[in-house]
Amino acid sequence: MQEVTVSRVVDASPVVVSRWLEPATIVEAEGSFTVETIDERADATIVVASGPGMHLPLRFEERDDGLYYTQEGEQGPFAHMETWIDVEDVADGTQVTFRSSVSLAAPLPFGDRIAAWKRKGELTRALEALETEFA
C-alpha cells in the first residue's frame, strides 16, 4: 500500500470550498472517470463512476473537517483505496489537502507505486480544478 498527499491554499472561505467539494464534482475533477449514477443515502453518498471497461462504486462520507471516500466493494482497479479531503481555514484562504492510500488489485511488479503515481495525478487535477474555480 502506498500513500500520496497533495495540498493547495485556495482564495475562498472554507464554507465556499466545502460547497464545491461535492462527490460528483470531485470524481469529474479527478479526470479518470465519469459519473454514472449517484445514490444519496442517510449515512453516505454512493457514486458509481465509469471508465474504460469498468464501473467503480465510491462511498463518500462527510466528516467534521472535510470529506472521506473509499472504493466500495471489490469492483474496480484497487484492492484498497481511501481518500481524505481536509479543509482548513488559514490566514490567506483555505488549505485543501487530499490524502489517499492505494493498493492495486492486479499483481504487477511495482503495482502499488504505479497506482500511487496515478492517484497523485488525479488528486492534483482535482485541486487544479478547485483552484481554477476560485481564481
C-alpha atoms as a PDB file:
ATOM      1  CA  MET A   1       0.000   0.000   0.000  1.00  0.00           C
ATOM      2  CA  GLN A   2       1.200   3.495  -0.882  1.00  0.00           C
ATOM      3  CA  GLU A   3       0.062   6.898   0.379  1.00  0.00           C
ATOM      4  CA  VAL A   4       0.052  10.199  -1.513  1.00  0.00           C
ATOM      5  CA  THR A   5      -0.756  13.728  -0.352  1.00  0.00           C
ATOM      6  CA  VAL A   6      -1.355  16.933  -2.303  1.00  0.00           C
ATOM      7  CA  SER A   7      -2.324  20.304  -0.878  1.00  0.00           C
ATOM      8  CA  ARG A   8      -3.137  23.842  -2.016  1.00  0.00           C
ATOM      9  CA  VAL A   9      -4.297  27.097  -0.497  1.00  0.00           C
ATOM     10  CA  VAL A  10      -7.393  28.413  -2.273  1.00  0.00           C
ATOM     11  CA  ASP A  11      -8.545  32.034  -2.165  1.00  0.00           C
ATOM     12  CA  ALA A  12     -12.023  31.286  -0.779  1.00  0.00           C
ATOM     13  CA  SER A  13     -13.619  30.607   2.587  1.00  0.00           C
ATOM     14  CA  PRO A  14     -13.888  27.046   3.945  1.00  0.00           C
ATOM     15  CA  VAL A  15     -17.690  27.230   3.581  1.00  0.00           C
ATOM     16  CA  VAL A  16     -17.464  28.113  -0.116  1.00  0.00           C
ATOM     17  CA  VAL A  17     -14.789  25.458  -0.746  1.00  0.00           C
ATOM     18  CA  SER A  18     -16.870  22.832   1.056  1.00  0.00           C
ATOM     19  CA  ARG A  19     -19.830  23.586  -1.216  1.00  0.00           C
ATOM     20  CA  TRP A  20     -17.631  22.824  -4.247  1.00  0.00           C
ATOM     21  CA  LEU A  21     -16.464  19.537  -2.721  1.00  0.00           C
ATOM     22  CA  GLU A  22     -19.476  17.504  -3.840  1.00  0.00           C
ATOM     23  CA  PRO A  23     -18.893  13.812  -4.649  1.00  0.00           C
ATOM     24  CA  ALA A  24     -19.801  14.072  -8.343  1.00  0.00           C
ATOM     25  CA  THR A  25     -17.700  17.220  -8.775  1.00  0.00           C
ATOM     26  CA  ILE A  26     -14.684  15.524  -7.207  1.00  0.00           C
ATOM     27  CA  VAL A  27     -14.958  12.426  -9.393  1.00  0.00           C
ATOM     28  CA  GLU A  28     -15.254  14.515 -12.568  1.00  0.00           C
ATOM     29  CA  ALA A  29     -12.415  16.843 -11.496  1.00  0.00           C
ATOM     30  CA  GLU A  30     -10.061  13.910 -10.902  1.00  0.00           C
ATOM     31  CA  GLY A  31     -10.380  13.215 -14.615  1.00  0.00           C
ATOM     32  CA  SER A  32     -10.163   9.411 -14.848  1.00  0.00           C
ATOM     33  CA  PHE A  33     -13.861   8.553 -14.584  1.00  0.00           C
ATOM     34  CA  THR A  34     -17.259   9.998 -15.374  1.00  0.00           C
ATOM     35  CA  VAL A  35     -20.192   9.888 -13.002  1.00  0.00           C
ATOM     36  CA  GLU A  36     -22.742   7.264 -13.984  1.00  0.00           C
ATOM     37  CA  THR A  37     -25.111   7.293 -11.006  1.00  0.00           C
ATOM     38  CA  ILE A  38     -25.449   8.998  -7.610  1.00  0.00           C
ATOM     39  CA  ASP A  39     -27.265   7.349  -4.709  1.00  0.00           C
ATOM     40  CA  GLU A  40     -27.872   9.655  -1.729  1.00  0.00           C
ATOM     41  CA  ARG A  41     -28.223   7.650   1.475  1.00  0.00           C
ATOM     42  CA  ALA A  42     -28.666   8.707   5.095  1.00  0.00           C
ATOM     43  CA  ASP A  43     -25.063   7.857   6.016  1.00  0.00           C
ATOM     44  CA  ALA A  44     -23.218   8.288   2.698  1.00  0.00           C
ATOM     45  CA  THR A  45     -23.374   9.142  -0.984  1.00  0.00           C
ATOM     46  CA  ILE A  46     -22.538   6.336  -3.394  1.00  0.00           C
ATOM     47  CA  VAL A  47     -21.196   7.490  -6.744  1.00  0.00           C
ATOM     48  CA  VAL A  48     -20.797   4.888  -9.472  1.00  0.00           C
ATOM     49  CA  ALA A  49     -18.025   6.117 -11.720  1.00  0.00           C
ATOM     50  CA  SER A  50     -17.343   4.597 -15.110  1.00  0.00           C
ATOM     51  CA  GLY A  51     -14.177   4.443 -17.096  1.00  0.00           C
ATOM     52  CA  PRO A  52     -12.654   2.298 -19.799  1.00  0.00           C
ATOM     53  CA  GLY A  53     -14.209  -1.127 -19.264  1.00  0.00           C
ATOM     54  CA  MET A  54     -15.149  -0.714 -15.608  1.00  0.00           C
ATOM     55  CA  HIS A  55     -17.631   0.660 -13.100  1.00  0.00           C
ATOM     56  CA  LEU A  56     -16.243   1.856  -9.799  1.00  0.00           C
ATOM     57  CA  PRO A  57     -18.533   2.430  -6.787  1.00  0.00           C
ATOM     58  CA  LEU A  58     -17.221   5.128  -4.456  1.00  0.00           C
ATOM     59  CA  ARG A  59     -18.642   5.731  -0.990  1.00  0.00           C
ATOM     60  CA  PHE A  60     -18.446   9.361   0.207  1.00  0.00           C
ATOM     61  CA  GLU A  61     -18.958  10.320   3.855  1.00  0.00           C
ATOM     62  CA  GLU A  62     -18.988  13.812   5.356  1.00  0.00           C
ATOM     63  CA  ARG A  63     -16.583  14.350   8.232  1.00  0.00           C
ATOM     64  CA  ASP A  64     -16.180  17.262  10.658  1.00  0.00           C
ATOM     65  CA  ASP A  65     -13.161  18.684   8.838  1.00  0.00           C
ATOM     66  CA  GLY A  66     -13.871  17.559   5.272  1.00  0.00           C
ATOM     67  CA  LEU A  67     -14.812  14.529   3.256  1.00  0.00           C
ATOM     68  CA  TYR A  68     -13.786  10.862   3.195  1.00  0.00           C
ATOM     69  CA  TYR A  69     -14.305   8.372   0.405  1.00  0.00           C
ATOM     70  CA  THR A  70     -13.357   4.845  -0.444  1.00  0.00           C
ATOM     71  CA  GLN A  71     -13.833   2.299  -3.183  1.00  0.00           C
ATOM     72  CA  GLU A  72     -16.861   0.292  -2.129  1.00  0.00           C
ATOM     73  CA  GLY A  73     -16.924  -3.441  -2.694  1.00  0.00           C
ATOM     74  CA  GLU A  74     -14.466  -5.404  -4.777  1.00  0.00           C
ATOM     75  CA  GLN A  75     -15.200  -3.876  -8.179  1.00  0.00           C
ATOM     76  CA  GLY A  76     -12.577  -1.549  -9.515  1.00  0.00           C
ATOM     77  CA  PRO A  77      -8.851  -1.308 -10.035  1.00  0.00           C
ATOM     78  CA  PHE A  78      -7.872  -1.183  -6.359  1.00  0.00           C
ATOM     79  CA  ALA A  79      -7.592  -3.832  -3.683  1.00  0.00           C
ATOM     80  CA  HIS A  80      -7.799  -0.838  -1.345  1.00  0.00           C
ATOM     81  CA  MET A  81      -8.395   2.877  -1.928  1.00  0.00           C
ATOM     82  CA  GLU A  82      -9.407   5.519   0.550  1.00  0.00           C
ATOM     83  CA  THR A  83      -9.126   9.290   0.394  1.00  0.00           C
ATOM     84  CA  TRP A  84      -9.447  12.057   2.963  1.00  0.00           C
ATOM     85  CA  ILE A  85     -10.121  15.652   1.960  1.00  0.00           C
ATOM     86  CA  ASP A  86      -9.339  18.104   4.738  1.00  0.00           C
ATOM     87  CA  VAL A  87     -10.428  21.739   4.633  1.00  0.00           C
ATOM     88  CA  GLU A  88      -8.690  24.177   6.977  1.00  0.00           C
ATOM     89  CA  ASP A  89      -9.074  27.927   7.399  1.00  0.00           C
ATOM     90  CA  VAL A  90      -5.654  29.594   7.080  1.00  0.00           C
ATOM     91  CA  ALA A  91      -4.561  33.249   7.040  1.00  0.00           C
ATOM     92  CA  ASP A  92      -4.566  33.633   3.259  1.00  0.00           C
ATOM     93  CA  GLY A  93      -7.562  31.441   2.336  1.00  0.00           C
ATOM     94  CA  THR A  94      -8.456  27.808   2.761  1.00  0.00           C
ATOM     95  CA  GLN A  95      -5.964  24.980   2.719  1.00  0.00           C
ATOM     96  CA  VAL A  96      -7.343  21.891   0.999  1.00  0.00           C
ATOM     97  CA  THR A  97      -5.426  18.648   1.443  1.00  0.00           C
ATOM     98  CA  PHE A  98      -6.148  15.414  -0.391  1.00  0.00           C
ATOM     99  CA  ARG A  99      -4.561  12.311   1.158  1.00  0.00           C
ATOM    100  CA  SER A 100      -5.084   8.902  -0.371  1.00  0.00           C
ATOM    101  CA  SER A 101      -3.837   5.390   0.289  1.00  0.00           C
ATOM    102  CA  VAL A 102      -3.999   2.875  -2.539  1.00  0.00           C
ATOM    103  CA  SER A 103      -3.175  -0.710  -3.300  1.00  0.00           C
ATOM    104  CA  LEU A 104      -3.620  -2.096  -6.805  1.00  0.00           C
ATOM    105  CA  ALA A 105      -5.810  -5.175  -7.282  1.00  0.00           C
ATOM    106  CA  ALA A 106      -3.615  -6.629 -10.060  1.00  0.00           C
ATOM    107  CA  PRO A 107      -0.419  -8.457  -9.093  1.00  0.00           C
ATOM    108  CA  LEU A 108       2.022  -6.310 -11.091  1.00  0.00           C
ATOM    109  CA  PRO A 109       5.613  -5.535 -10.201  1.00  0.00           C
ATOM    110  CA  PHE A 110       5.602  -2.114  -8.533  1.00  0.00           C
ATOM    111  CA  GLY A 111       1.799  -2.083  -8.915  1.00  0.00           C
ATOM    112  CA  ASP A 112       1.187  -0.084  -5.744  1.00  0.00           C
ATOM    113  CA  ARG A 113       3.751   2.528  -6.817  1.00  0.00           C
ATOM    114  CA  ILE A 114       2.059   2.841 -10.202  1.00  0.00           C
ATOM    115  CA  ALA A 115      -1.345   3.166  -8.504  1.00  0.00           C
ATOM    116  CA  ALA A 116       0.025   5.867  -6.184  1.00  0.00           C
ATOM    117  CA  TRP A 117       1.555   7.781  -9.107  1.00  0.00           C
ATOM    118  CA  LYS A 118      -1.765   7.659 -10.996  1.00  0.00           C
ATOM    119  CA  ARG A 119      -3.731   8.583  -7.877  1.00  0.00           C
ATOM    120  CA  LYS A 120      -1.471  11.571  -7.191  1.00  0.00           C
ATOM    121  CA  GLY A 121      -2.164  12.814 -10.724  1.00  0.00           C
ATOM    122  CA  GLU A 122      -5.925  12.503 -10.156  1.00  0.00           C
ATOM    123  CA  LEU A 123      -5.771  14.388  -6.858  1.00  0.00           C
ATOM    124  CA  THR A 124      -3.598  17.101  -8.381  1.00  0.00           C
ATOM    125  CA  ARG A 125      -6.122  17.565 -11.222  1.00  0.00           C
ATOM    126  CA  ALA A 126      -8.936  17.883  -8.665  1.00  0.00           C
ATOM    127  CA  LEU A 127      -7.021  20.566  -6.757  1.00  0.00           C
ATOM    128  CA  GLU A 128      -6.241  22.402 -10.001  1.00  0.00           C
ATOM    129  CA  ALA A 129      -9.950  22.398 -10.898  1.00  0.00           C
ATOM    130  CA  LEU A 130     -10.780  23.714  -7.422  1.00  0.00           C
ATOM    131  CA  GLU A 131      -8.133  26.403  -7.677  1.00  0.00           C
ATOM    132  CA  THR A 132      -9.358  27.440 -11.138  1.00  0.00           C
ATOM    133  CA  GLU A 133     -12.917  27.718  -9.807  1.00  0.00           C
ATOM    134  CA  PHE A 134     -11.843  30.374  -7.314  1.00  0.00           C
ATOM    135  CA  ALA A 135      -9.078  32.138  -9.288  1.00  0.00           C
END
